[in-house]
Structures are given as C-alpha cells and as structure tokens.
C-alpha atoms as a PDB file:
ATOM      1  CA  MET A   1       0.000   0.000   0.000  1.00  0.00           C
ATOM      2  CA  SER A   2       1.232   3.476  -0.801  1.00  0.00           C
ATOM      3  CA  LYS A   3       1.898   6.165   1.747  1.00  0.00           C
ATOM      4  CA  ALA A   4       0.369   9.053  -0.235  1.00  0.00           C
ATOM      5  CA  HIS A   5      -0.953  10.928   2.791  1.00  0.00           C
ATOM      6  CA  ARG A   6       2.210  10.851   4.882  1.00  0.00           C
ATOM      7  CA  GLY A   7       3.081  14.333   6.132  1.00  0.00           C
ATOM      8  CA  THR A   8      -0.113  16.040   4.947  1.00  0.00           C
ATOM      9  CA  GLY A   9      -0.830  17.330   8.450  1.00  0.00           C
ATOM     10  CA  ILE A  10       2.204  19.623   8.444  1.00  0.00           C
ATOM     11  CA  ARG A  11       2.197  20.775   4.836  1.00  0.00           C
ATOM     12  CA  HIS A  12       0.168  23.860   5.768  1.00  0.00           C
ATOM     13  CA  GLU A  13       2.803  24.942   8.325  1.00  0.00           C
ATOM     14  CA  HIS A  14       5.479  27.475   7.419  1.00  0.00           C
ATOM     15  CA  ASN A  15       8.347  25.674   5.660  1.00  0.00           C
ATOM     16  CA  SER A  16       6.465  22.368   6.204  1.00  0.00           C
ATOM     17  CA  GLY A  17       7.045  22.557   9.946  1.00  0.00           C
ATOM     18  CA  ARG A  18      10.812  22.796   9.689  1.00  0.00           C
ATOM     19  CA  GLY A  19      13.013  25.348  11.391  1.00  0.00           C
ATOM     20  CA  THR A  20      15.630  25.766  14.110  1.00  0.00           C
ATOM     21  CA  CYS A  21      15.020  24.340  17.557  1.00  0.00           C
ATOM     22  CA  PRO A  22      15.579  27.033  20.205  1.00  0.00           C
ATOM     23  CA  ILE A  23      16.830  24.524  22.803  1.00  0.00           C
ATOM     24  CA  CYS A  24      19.355  22.347  20.960  1.00  0.00           C
ATOM     25  CA  GLY A  25      20.020  24.679  18.033  1.00  0.00           C
ATOM     26  CA  ARG A  26      19.616  22.083  15.290  1.00  0.00           C
ATOM     27  CA  THR A  27      18.735  23.595  11.947  1.00  0.00           C
ATOM     28  CA  ASN A  28      16.205  22.352   9.367  1.00  0.00           C
ATOM     29  CA  ILE A  29      14.574  19.999  11.864  1.00  0.00           C
ATOM     30  CA  LYS A  30      10.836  19.525  12.372  1.00  0.00           C
ATOM     31  CA  VAL A  31       9.725  21.812  15.204  1.00  0.00           C
ATOM     32  CA  LEU A  32       6.200  20.609  15.955  1.00  0.00           C
ATOM     33  CA  TYR A  33       5.848  20.624  19.739  1.00  0.00           C
ATOM     34  CA  GLU A  34       4.678  23.770  21.519  1.00  0.00           C
ATOM     35  CA  THR A  35       6.107  24.487  24.948  1.00  0.00           C
ATOM     36  CA  THR A  36       6.815  27.433  27.227  1.00  0.00           C
ATOM     37  CA  ILE A  37      10.400  28.660  27.584  1.00  0.00           C
ATOM     38  CA  ASP A  38      10.950  31.610  29.942  1.00  0.00           C
ATOM     39  CA  GLU A  39       7.186  32.256  29.921  1.00  0.00           C
ATOM     40  CA  LYS A  40       7.128  32.511  26.106  1.00  0.00           C
ATOM     41  CA  LYS A  41       5.572  29.965  23.781  1.00  0.00           C
ATOM     42  CA  ALA A  42       8.028  28.271  21.437  1.00  0.00           C
ATOM     43  CA  MET A  43       8.065  25.318  19.078  1.00  0.00           C
ATOM     44  CA  ILE A  44      10.680  22.635  19.835  1.00  0.00           C
ATOM     45  CA  CYS A  45      11.846  19.406  18.177  1.00  0.00           C
ATOM     46  CA  LYS A  46      10.827  15.863  19.080  1.00  0.00           C
ATOM     47  CA  ALA A  47      14.070  15.017  20.901  1.00  0.00           C
ATOM     48  CA  CYS A  48      13.920  18.119  23.098  1.00  0.00           C
ATOM     49  CA  ASN A  49      10.253  17.482  23.831  1.00  0.00           C
ATOM     50  CA  ALA A  50      11.029  13.934  24.993  1.00  0.00           C
ATOM     51  CA  HIS A  51      13.970  15.157  27.079  1.00  0.00           C
ATOM     52  CA  LYS A  52      11.802  17.805  28.723  1.00  0.00           C
ATOM     53  CA  LYS A  53       9.053  15.283  29.564  1.00  0.00           C
ATOM     54  CA  ASN A  54      11.471  12.643  30.901  1.00  0.00           C
ATOM     55  CA  SER A  55      13.504  15.063  33.032  1.00  0.00           C
ATOM     56  CA  LYS A  56      10.558  15.922  35.319  1.00  0.00           C
END
C-alpha cells in the first residue's frame, strides 16, 4: 500500500514545519511541539520534547 498521505498534516505549516530548535540549536529539523520557555511559547523538536518530559 502506498503512503500518499504521509506528512499532509504539516504541509500547511510554514516551511512544512521545519526550522531551528531554540533549545538544541539544530537547523532544518521539524519543530512541531509547543512548549513554554521563559514564559514565552516556542516550538521545539521531538528530541527536546522527549527530554523535557522525561527530566521531570
């Protein structure tokens, strides 16, 4: 079976959901998870989101 609909949920995002993660500094990575950093909302990558959840 084909995977024709893979990634359609983020195609409407700016640059298809890719950017620079403010925590780790990686460039051209998918930043899809919203979190608060210093009382400001920011979008972070999957690895930083997992690290933030597991460090609590």
